[in-house]
Amino acid sequence: MAEIRGTTGMLSQAEQGLKLFEAQAGTAAEYDKAEAEKYKAVIEAKIVTLENEAALLTGKDNKKERAAKGKEVAELKAGQQYVDACKIVKGLEPKFGYFVTKEAVLPDAPVSKPEEDETKVVSSKKETKKETKKESAGLSPAETKELENLKQSIVERKTILKEQGMSGGQQNKDEEVVKMVARMNELKEKQEPGSTKKEKDAKKDKKTPLSAEEQKEFQKLQGEIEIYKAKLRTEFGYSNKDIKADPDLQEMESRIAAFQKRS
């Protein structure tokens, strides 16, 4: 009997150890992939139906109805639940919290000794000072993430507007696009002071020859402009007039002009 009691104690210790390990390691969230696949299939079937209906609405007389179908398709594709369904099917984390069957459990913070805590406090203060200096000279991590999200949001918004039948010029004047572009330029300016200024603001540098690094940036920017112009034509349906009025392209061309004056 003593042997059995001893074995039971060992098992109990093992269970406690396992629980402790799980608490320290944390657990990932769980998702209903089958339900996500089902929802994705339903929405995509609706999208195909709408696109087929829009294809039958040819000619100028049906332009409004065709645009309305395109708007419905865009709204379905931008739906939060559909976005999450696509992400889960691809094995990614959902953005909006749909199809979650079990929330993720964050790992417990390790317990440290008092002397270790003192060392961490001193180290943390030093790191905070370093971070403050870095952030004052550029973007904070949150602002960097915001900038990347803005770029993506602008592209997504213009895609929706294009599917609604808007021209490139109309897309640029959209209230949401204008606000996002303004904020994006504000962050770009903070990240790299002078990057969004026009050609006349670069006169101070015109007599300074380009460094090797600037020469590489100049050549890279030339290639990026050509790629961006092609994207505006093919993906967003911009005319030449719309392309010239695009604020992002104007900003890139102003930088090119500044480089050309110094090269």
C-alpha atoms as a PDB file:
ATOM      1  CA  MET A   1       0.000   0.000   0.000  1.00  0.00           C
ATOM      2  CA  ALA A   2       2.864   2.351   0.782  1.00  0.00           C
ATOM      3  CA  GLU A   3       4.153   1.816  -2.761  1.00  0.00           C
ATOM      4  CA  ILE A   4       0.770   2.800  -4.214  1.00  0.00           C
ATOM      5  CA  ARG A   5       0.618   5.928  -2.072  1.00  0.00           C
ATOM      6  CA  GLY A   6       4.094   6.864  -3.224  1.00  0.00           C
ATOM      7  CA  THR A   7       3.145   6.367  -6.852  1.00  0.00           C
ATOM      8  CA  THR A   8       0.059   8.515  -6.379  1.00  0.00           C
ATOM      9  CA  GLY A   9       2.205  11.270  -4.911  1.00  0.00           C
ATOM     10  CA  MET A  10       4.556  11.111  -7.903  1.00  0.00           C
ATOM     11  CA  LEU A  11       1.610  11.387 -10.299  1.00  0.00           C
ATOM     12  CA  SER A  12       0.240  14.335  -8.352  1.00  0.00           C
ATOM     13  CA  GLN A  13       3.600  16.099  -8.553  1.00  0.00           C
ATOM     14  CA  ALA A  14       3.766  15.400 -12.282  1.00  0.00           C
ATOM     15  CA  GLU A  15       0.298  16.895 -12.806  1.00  0.00           C
ATOM     16  CA  GLN A  16       1.228  19.981 -10.824  1.00  0.00           C
ATOM     17  CA  GLY A  17       4.415  20.323 -12.830  1.00  0.00           C
ATOM     18  CA  LEU A  18       2.449  20.073 -16.082  1.00  0.00           C
ATOM     19  CA  LYS A  19       0.006  22.765 -14.932  1.00  0.00           C
ATOM     20  CA  LEU A  20       2.917  24.998 -13.937  1.00  0.00           C
ATOM     21  CA  PHE A  21       4.558  24.477 -17.326  1.00  0.00           C
ATOM     22  CA  GLU A  22       1.316  25.347 -19.151  1.00  0.00           C
ATOM     23  CA  ALA A  23       0.881  28.486 -17.046  1.00  0.00           C
ATOM     24  CA  GLN A  24       4.427  29.597 -17.832  1.00  0.00           C
ATOM     25  CA  ALA A  25       4.261  28.723 -21.540  1.00  0.00           C
ATOM     26  CA  GLY A  26       0.698  29.896 -22.228  1.00  0.00           C
ATOM     27  CA  THR A  27      -1.629  28.396 -24.846  1.00  0.00           C
ATOM     28  CA  ALA A  28      -2.556  29.504 -28.339  1.00  0.00           C
ATOM     29  CA  ALA A  29      -6.081  30.469 -29.343  1.00  0.00           C
ATOM     30  CA  GLU A  30      -8.262  27.874 -31.063  1.00  0.00           C
ATOM     31  CA  TYR A  31     -10.476  28.546 -34.081  1.00  0.00           C
ATOM     32  CA  ASP A  32     -13.427  26.859 -35.806  1.00  0.00           C
ATOM     33  CA  LYS A  33     -11.787  26.335 -39.191  1.00  0.00           C
ATOM     34  CA  ALA A  34     -14.682  24.267 -40.558  1.00  0.00           C
ATOM     35  CA  GLU A  35     -17.167  27.052 -39.811  1.00  0.00           C
ATOM     36  CA  ALA A  36     -14.787  29.624 -41.325  1.00  0.00           C
ATOM     37  CA  GLU A  37     -14.491  27.564 -44.526  1.00  0.00           C
ATOM     38  CA  LYS A  38     -18.279  27.236 -44.693  1.00  0.00           C
ATOM     39  CA  TYR A  39     -18.837  30.988 -44.246  1.00  0.00           C
ATOM     40  CA  LYS A  40     -16.115  31.808 -46.790  1.00  0.00           C
ATOM     41  CA  ALA A  41     -17.751  29.523 -49.362  1.00  0.00           C
ATOM     42  CA  VAL A  42     -21.189  31.161 -48.828  1.00  0.00           C
ATOM     43  CA  ILE A  43     -19.833  34.692 -49.283  1.00  0.00           C
ATOM     44  CA  GLU A  44     -17.750  33.756 -52.323  1.00  0.00           C
ATOM     45  CA  ALA A  45     -20.807  32.157 -53.922  1.00  0.00           C
ATOM     46  CA  LYS A  46     -22.667  35.465 -53.455  1.00  0.00           C
ATOM     47  CA  ILE A  47     -19.710  37.344 -54.941  1.00  0.00           C
ATOM     48  CA  VAL A  48     -19.666  35.103 -58.029  1.00  0.00           C
ATOM     49  CA  THR A  49     -23.427  35.595 -58.494  1.00  0.00           C
ATOM     50  CA  LEU A  50     -23.118  39.380 -58.250  1.00  0.00           C
ATOM     51  CA  GLU A  51     -20.150  39.468 -60.644  1.00  0.00           C
ATOM     52  CA  ASN A  52     -22.042  37.350 -63.176  1.00  0.00           C
ATOM     53  CA  GLU A  53     -25.053  39.656 -62.883  1.00  0.00           C
ATOM     54  CA  ALA A  54     -22.822  42.711 -63.330  1.00  0.00           C
ATOM     55  CA  ALA A  55     -21.243  41.170 -66.432  1.00  0.00           C
ATOM     56  CA  LEU A  56     -24.673  41.025 -68.060  1.00  0.00           C
ATOM     57  CA  LEU A  57     -25.302  44.719 -67.404  1.00  0.00           C
ATOM     58  CA  THR A  58     -23.432  46.107 -70.382  1.00  0.00           C
ATOM     59  CA  GLY A  59     -23.596  49.556 -71.955  1.00  0.00           C
ATOM     60  CA  LYS A  60     -23.974  53.084 -70.602  1.00  0.00           C
ATOM     61  CA  ASP A  61     -27.637  52.579 -69.706  1.00  0.00           C
ATOM     62  CA  ASN A  62     -26.695  49.980 -67.107  1.00  0.00           C
ATOM     63  CA  LYS A  63     -23.705  51.841 -65.664  1.00  0.00           C
ATOM     64  CA  LYS A  64     -25.417  52.702 -62.360  1.00  0.00           C
ATOM     65  CA  GLU A  65     -26.748  49.188 -61.829  1.00  0.00           C
ATOM     66  CA  ARG A  66     -23.346  47.742 -62.710  1.00  0.00           C
ATOM     67  CA  ALA A  67     -21.664  50.080 -60.207  1.00  0.00           C
ATOM     68  CA  ALA A  68     -24.202  49.080 -57.553  1.00  0.00           C
ATOM     69  CA  LYS A  69     -23.319  45.408 -58.061  1.00  0.00           C
ATOM     70  CA  GLY A  70     -19.645  46.294 -57.818  1.00  0.00           C
ATOM     71  CA  LYS A  71     -20.301  48.125 -54.550  1.00  0.00           C
ATOM     72  CA  GLU A  72     -22.071  45.065 -53.119  1.00  0.00           C
ATOM     73  CA  VAL A  73     -19.108  42.876 -54.079  1.00  0.00           C
ATOM     74  CA  ALA A  74     -16.650  45.304 -52.495  1.00  0.00           C
ATOM     75  CA  GLU A  75     -18.668  45.400 -49.260  1.00  0.00           C
ATOM     76  CA  LEU A  76     -18.788  41.607 -49.091  1.00  0.00           C
ATOM     77  CA  LYS A  77     -15.019  41.356 -49.612  1.00  0.00           C
ATOM     78  CA  ALA A  78     -14.375  44.002 -46.957  1.00  0.00           C
ATOM     79  CA  GLY A  79     -16.710  42.391 -44.409  1.00  0.00           C
ATOM     80  CA  GLN A  80     -14.930  41.729 -41.123  1.00  0.00           C
ATOM     81  CA  GLN A  81     -16.279  38.200 -40.751  1.00  0.00           C
ATOM     82  CA  TYR A  82     -15.248  37.311 -44.307  1.00  0.00           C
ATOM     83  CA  VAL A  83     -11.752  38.774 -43.746  1.00  0.00           C
ATOM     84  CA  ASP A  84     -11.361  36.635 -40.603  1.00  0.00           C
ATOM     85  CA  ALA A  85     -12.673  33.540 -42.398  1.00  0.00           C
ATOM     86  CA  CYS A  86     -10.046  33.976 -45.147  1.00  0.00           C
ATOM     87  CA  LYS A  87      -7.280  34.417 -42.586  1.00  0.00           C
ATOM     88  CA  ILE A  88      -8.234  31.312 -40.585  1.00  0.00           C
ATOM     89  CA  VAL A  89      -8.475  29.191 -43.739  1.00  0.00           C
ATOM     90  CA  LYS A  90      -4.932  30.340 -44.575  1.00  0.00           C
ATOM     91  CA  GLY A  91      -3.734  29.418 -41.086  1.00  0.00           C
ATOM     92  CA  LEU A  92      -3.437  33.032 -39.866  1.00  0.00           C
ATOM     93  CA  GLU A  93      -4.824  34.745 -36.784  1.00  0.00           C
ATOM     94  CA  PRO A  94      -8.210  36.485 -37.309  1.00  0.00           C
ATOM     95  CA  LYS A  95      -8.111  40.267 -37.243  1.00  0.00           C
ATOM     96  CA  PHE A  96     -11.579  40.900 -35.807  1.00  0.00           C
ATOM     97  CA  GLY A  97     -12.092  37.949 -33.430  1.00  0.00           C
ATOM     98  CA  TYR A  98     -14.575  35.856 -35.437  1.00  0.00           C
ATOM     99  CA  PHE A  99     -14.610  32.012 -35.290  1.00  0.00           C
ATOM    100  CA  VAL A 100     -12.620  31.932 -32.020  1.00  0.00           C
ATOM    101  CA  THR A 101     -13.612  28.894 -29.942  1.00  0.00           C
ATOM    102  CA  LYS A 102     -10.992  29.352 -27.226  1.00  0.00           C
ATOM    103  CA  GLU A 103      -9.121  32.520 -26.325  1.00  0.00           C
ATOM    104  CA  ALA A 104      -5.328  32.474 -26.119  1.00  0.00           C
ATOM    105  CA  VAL A 105      -3.843  32.227 -22.617  1.00  0.00           C
ATOM    106  CA  LEU A 106      -0.896  34.513 -22.023  1.00  0.00           C
ATOM    107  CA  PRO A 107       2.115  33.073 -20.156  1.00  0.00           C
ATOM    108  CA  ASP A 108       2.583  33.971 -16.498  1.00  0.00           C
ATOM    109  CA  ALA A 109       5.341  36.436 -15.712  1.00  0.00           C
ATOM    110  CA  PRO A 110       8.349  34.689 -14.149  1.00  0.00           C
ATOM    111  CA  VAL A 111       8.958  35.342 -10.438  1.00  0.00           C
ATOM    112  CA  SER A 112      12.280  37.046  -9.843  1.00  0.00           C
ATOM    113  CA  LYS A 113      14.385  37.641  -6.761  1.00  0.00           C
ATOM    114  CA  PRO A 114      14.544  41.117  -5.131  1.00  0.00           C
ATOM    115  CA  GLU A 115      18.125  41.718  -6.282  1.00  0.00           C
ATOM    116  CA  GLU A 116      17.133  40.721  -9.824  1.00  0.00           C
ATOM    117  CA  ASP A 117      14.250  43.204  -9.674  1.00  0.00           C
ATOM    118  CA  GLU A 118      16.615  46.034  -8.712  1.00  0.00           C
ATOM    119  CA  THR A 119      18.897  45.195 -11.644  1.00  0.00           C
ATOM    120  CA  LYS A 120      15.898  45.119 -13.991  1.00  0.00           C
ATOM    121  CA  VAL A 121      14.664  48.511 -12.764  1.00  0.00           C
ATOM    122  CA  VAL A 122      18.044  50.136 -13.450  1.00  0.00           C
ATOM    123  CA  SER A 123      18.280  48.394 -16.825  1.00  0.00           C
ATOM    124  CA  SER A 124      14.699  49.378 -17.674  1.00  0.00           C
ATOM    125  CA  LYS A 125      15.417  53.047 -16.915  1.00  0.00           C
ATOM    126  CA  LYS A 126      18.434  52.993 -19.222  1.00  0.00           C
ATOM    127  CA  GLU A 127      16.427  51.319 -21.994  1.00  0.00           C
ATOM    128  CA  THR A 128      13.593  53.827 -21.524  1.00  0.00           C
ATOM    129  CA  LYS A 129      16.017  56.718 -21.981  1.00  0.00           C
ATOM    130  CA  LYS A 130      17.399  55.118 -25.137  1.00  0.00           C
ATOM    131  CA  GLU A 131      13.888  54.510 -26.494  1.00  0.00           C
ATOM    132  CA  THR A 132      12.867  58.104 -25.718  1.00  0.00           C
ATOM    133  CA  LYS A 133      15.828  59.412 -27.693  1.00  0.00           C
ATOM    134  CA  LYS A 134      15.027  57.125 -30.614  1.00  0.00           C
ATOM    135  CA  GLU A 135      11.353  58.044 -30.651  1.00  0.00           C
ATOM    136  CA  SER A 136      12.056  61.774 -30.477  1.00  0.00           C
ATOM    137  CA  ALA A 137      14.198  61.424 -33.613  1.00  0.00           C
ATOM    138  CA  GLY A 138      11.688  59.283 -35.531  1.00  0.00           C
ATOM    139  CA  LEU A 139       8.529  57.215 -35.133  1.00  0.00           C
ATOM    140  CA  SER A 140       7.489  55.199 -32.111  1.00  0.00           C
ATOM    141  CA  PRO A 141       6.666  51.498 -32.670  1.00  0.00           C
ATOM    142  CA  ALA A 142       2.956  52.358 -32.523  1.00  0.00           C
ATOM    143  CA  GLU A 143       3.369  55.124 -35.124  1.00  0.00           C
ATOM    144  CA  THR A 144       5.422  52.851 -37.391  1.00  0.00           C
ATOM    145  CA  LYS A 145       2.608  50.288 -37.259  1.00  0.00           C
ATOM    146  CA  GLU A 146       0.049  53.041 -37.882  1.00  0.00           C
ATOM    147  CA  LEU A 147       1.981  54.201 -40.963  1.00  0.00           C
ATOM    148  CA  GLU A 148       2.043  50.684 -42.446  1.00  0.00           C
ATOM    149  CA  ASN A 149      -1.673  50.221 -41.693  1.00  0.00           C
ATOM    150  CA  LEU A 150      -2.476  53.565 -43.341  1.00  0.00           C
ATOM    151  CA  LYS A 151      -0.655  52.585 -46.545  1.00  0.00           C
ATOM    152  CA  GLN A 152      -2.621  49.326 -46.679  1.00  0.00           C
ATOM    153  CA  SER A 153      -5.915  51.050 -45.802  1.00  0.00           C
ATOM    154  CA  ILE A 154      -5.447  53.619 -48.585  1.00  0.00           C
ATOM    155  CA  VAL A 155      -4.914  50.854 -51.148  1.00  0.00           C
ATOM    156  CA  GLU A 156      -7.974  48.933 -49.865  1.00  0.00           C
ATOM    157  CA  ARG A 157     -10.150  52.071 -49.865  1.00  0.00           C
ATOM    158  CA  LYS A 158      -9.126  52.991 -53.425  1.00  0.00           C
ATOM    159  CA  THR A 159      -9.865  49.426 -54.550  1.00  0.00           C
ATOM    160  CA  ILE A 160     -13.397  49.688 -53.150  1.00  0.00           C
ATOM    161  CA  LEU A 161     -13.900  53.113 -54.771  1.00  0.00           C
ATOM    162  CA  LYS A 162     -12.641  51.820 -58.116  1.00  0.00           C
ATOM    163  CA  GLU A 163     -15.124  48.933 -57.989  1.00  0.00           C
ATOM    164  CA  GLN A 164     -17.843  51.520 -57.368  1.00  0.00           C
ATOM    165  CA  GLY A 165     -16.926  53.138 -60.690  1.00  0.00           C
ATOM    166  CA  MET A 166     -14.858  56.095 -59.440  1.00  0.00           C
ATOM    167  CA  SER A 167     -11.977  57.491 -61.495  1.00  0.00           C
ATOM    168  CA  GLY A 168      -8.507  57.976 -60.034  1.00  0.00           C
ATOM    169  CA  GLY A 169      -9.113  61.688 -59.507  1.00  0.00           C
ATOM    170  CA  GLN A 170     -12.388  61.022 -57.686  1.00  0.00           C
ATOM    171  CA  GLN A 171     -10.654  58.431 -55.488  1.00  0.00           C
ATOM    172  CA  ASN A 172      -8.022  60.988 -54.464  1.00  0.00           C
ATOM    173  CA  LYS A 173     -10.750  63.471 -53.463  1.00  0.00           C
ATOM    174  CA  ASP A 174     -12.623  60.932 -51.329  1.00  0.00           C
ATOM    175  CA  GLU A 175     -12.912  62.284 -47.767  1.00  0.00           C
ATOM    176  CA  GLU A 176     -11.498  59.133 -46.136  1.00  0.00           C
ATOM    177  CA  VAL A 177      -8.588  58.940 -48.599  1.00  0.00           C
ATOM    178  CA  VAL A 178      -7.753  62.637 -48.060  1.00  0.00           C
ATOM    179  CA  LYS A 179      -7.662  62.179 -44.273  1.00  0.00           C
ATOM    180  CA  MET A 180      -5.549  59.017 -44.453  1.00  0.00           C
ATOM    181  CA  VAL A 181      -3.077  60.570 -46.928  1.00  0.00           C
ATOM    182  CA  ALA A 182      -2.722  63.664 -44.725  1.00  0.00           C
ATOM    183  CA  ARG A 183      -1.983  61.532 -41.664  1.00  0.00           C
ATOM    184  CA  MET A 184       0.390  59.311 -43.677  1.00  0.00           C
ATOM    185  CA  ASN A 185       2.368  62.363 -44.867  1.00  0.00           C
ATOM    186  CA  GLU A 186       2.466  63.673 -41.303  1.00  0.00           C
ATOM    187  CA  LEU A 187       4.018  60.412 -40.098  1.00  0.00           C
ATOM    188  CA  LYS A 188       6.421  60.281 -43.068  1.00  0.00           C
ATOM    189  CA  GLU A 189       7.600  63.792 -42.265  1.00  0.00           C
ATOM    190  CA  LYS A 190       8.210  62.811 -38.644  1.00  0.00           C
ATOM    191  CA  GLN A 191      10.003  59.635 -39.716  1.00  0.00           C
ATOM    192  CA  GLU A 192      12.206  61.454 -42.212  1.00  0.00           C
ATOM    193  CA  PRO A 193      12.029  65.256 -41.898  1.00  0.00           C
ATOM    194  CA  GLY A 194      11.812  66.913 -45.310  1.00  0.00           C
ATOM    195  CA  SER A 195      10.650  63.767 -47.128  1.00  0.00           C
ATOM    196  CA  THR A 196       7.248  65.243 -48.042  1.00  0.00           C
ATOM    197  CA  LYS A 197       8.386  68.742 -48.955  1.00  0.00           C
ATOM    198  CA  LYS A 198       8.011  70.024 -52.503  1.00  0.00           C
ATOM    199  CA  GLU A 199      10.786  70.754 -54.962  1.00  0.00           C
ATOM    200  CA  LYS A 200      11.222  74.379 -53.871  1.00  0.00           C
ATOM    201  CA  ASP A 201      11.957  73.263 -50.305  1.00  0.00           C
ATOM    202  CA  ALA A 202      14.968  71.253 -51.477  1.00  0.00           C
ATOM    203  CA  LYS A 203      16.952  74.267 -52.833  1.00  0.00           C
ATOM    204  CA  LYS A 204      19.292  74.232 -49.845  1.00  0.00           C
ATOM    205  CA  ASP A 205      20.674  70.881 -50.939  1.00  0.00           C
ATOM    206  CA  LYS A 206      21.015  71.558 -54.671  1.00  0.00           C
ATOM    207  CA  LYS A 207      24.730  72.433 -54.501  1.00  0.00           C
ATOM    208  CA  THR A 208      25.627  69.415 -52.363  1.00  0.00           C
ATOM    209  CA  PRO A 209      26.682  66.448 -54.531  1.00  0.00           C
ATOM    210  CA  LEU A 210      24.962  63.112 -53.959  1.00  0.00           C
ATOM    211  CA  SER A 211      26.706  60.628 -51.692  1.00  0.00           C
ATOM    212  CA  ALA A 212      27.055  56.992 -52.775  1.00  0.00           C
ATOM    213  CA  GLU A 213      24.117  56.063 -50.540  1.00  0.00           C
ATOM    214  CA  GLU A 214      21.952  58.864 -51.956  1.00  0.00           C
ATOM    215  CA  GLN A 215      22.865  57.822 -55.503  1.00  0.00           C
ATOM    216  CA  LYS A 216      21.578  54.314 -54.750  1.00  0.00           C
ATOM    217  CA  GLU A 217      18.391  55.766 -53.247  1.00  0.00           C
ATOM    218  CA  PHE A 218      17.977  57.967 -56.346  1.00  0.00           C
ATOM    219  CA  GLN A 219      18.177  54.974 -58.681  1.00  0.00           C
ATOM    220  CA  LYS A 220      15.883  52.910 -56.472  1.00  0.00           C
ATOM    221  CA  LEU A 221      13.311  55.720 -56.377  1.00  0.00           C
ATOM    222  CA  GLN A 222      13.303  55.974 -60.188  1.00  0.00           C
ATOM    223  CA  GLY A 223      12.375  52.288 -60.404  1.00  0.00           C
ATOM    224  CA  GLU A 224       9.710  52.626 -57.692  1.00  0.00           C
ATOM    225  CA  ILE A 225       8.055  55.501 -59.564  1.00  0.00           C
ATOM    226  CA  GLU A 226       7.720  53.459 -62.750  1.00  0.00           C
ATOM    227  CA  ILE A 227       6.277  50.503 -60.824  1.00  0.00           C
ATOM    228  CA  TYR A 228       3.850  52.776 -58.954  1.00  0.00           C
ATOM    229  CA  LYS A 229       2.664  54.435 -62.187  1.00  0.00           C
ATOM    230  CA  ALA A 230       2.001  51.022 -63.732  1.00  0.00           C
ATOM    231  CA  LYS A 231       0.065  49.972 -60.618  1.00  0.00           C
ATOM    232  CA  LEU A 232      -2.115  53.097 -60.786  1.00  0.00           C
ATOM    233  CA  ARG A 233      -2.966  52.340 -64.416  1.00  0.00           C
ATOM    234  CA  THR A 234      -3.616  48.604 -64.102  1.00  0.00           C
ATOM    235  CA  GLU A 235      -5.011  48.180 -60.589  1.00  0.00           C
ATOM    236  CA  PHE A 236      -6.821  51.488 -60.049  1.00  0.00           C
ATOM    237  CA  GLY A 237      -7.696  52.478 -63.628  1.00  0.00           C
ATOM    238  CA  TYR A 238      -6.041  55.920 -63.423  1.00  0.00           C
ATOM    239  CA  SER A 239      -5.828  58.109 -66.518  1.00  0.00           C
ATOM    240  CA  ASN A 240      -2.618  60.080 -67.213  1.00  0.00           C
ATOM    241  CA  LYS A 241      -4.263  63.157 -65.675  1.00  0.00           C
ATOM    242  CA  ASP A 242      -5.225  61.205 -62.557  1.00  0.00           C
ATOM    243  CA  ILE A 243      -1.705  59.808 -62.240  1.00  0.00           C
ATOM    244  CA  LYS A 244      -0.161  63.283 -62.314  1.00  0.00           C
ATOM    245  CA  ALA A 245      -2.545  64.409 -59.562  1.00  0.00           C
ATOM    246  CA  ASP A 246      -1.802  61.454 -57.269  1.00  0.00           C
ATOM    247  CA  PRO A 247      -0.309  62.868 -53.997  1.00  0.00           C
ATOM    248  CA  ASP A 248       2.023  59.909 -53.379  1.00  0.00           C
ATOM    249  CA  LEU A 249       3.451  60.153 -56.901  1.00  0.00           C
ATOM    250  CA  GLN A 250       3.905  63.920 -56.535  1.00  0.00           C
ATOM    251  CA  GLU A 251       5.842  63.366 -53.316  1.00  0.00           C
ATOM    252  CA  MET A 252       8.132  60.800 -55.004  1.00  0.00           C
ATOM    253  CA  GLU A 253       8.675  63.045 -58.030  1.00  0.00           C
ATOM    254  CA  SER A 254       9.581  65.996 -55.798  1.00  0.00           C
ATOM    255  CA  ARG A 255      12.281  63.839 -54.216  1.00  0.00           C
ATOM    256  CA  ILE A 256      13.513  62.814 -57.672  1.00  0.00           C
ATOM    257  CA  ALA A 257      13.672  66.484 -58.704  1.00  0.00           C
ATOM    258  CA  ALA A 258      15.749  67.296 -55.625  1.00  0.00           C
ATOM    259  CA  PHE A 259      18.178  64.482 -56.450  1.00  0.00           C
ATOM    260  CA  GLN A 260      18.399  65.571 -60.117  1.00  0.00           C
ATOM    261  CA  LYS A 261      19.378  69.128 -59.110  1.00  0.00           C
ATOM    262  CA  ARG A 262      22.290  67.790 -57.116  1.00  0.00           C
ATOM    263  CA  SER A 263      23.432  65.034 -59.490  1.00  0.00           C
END
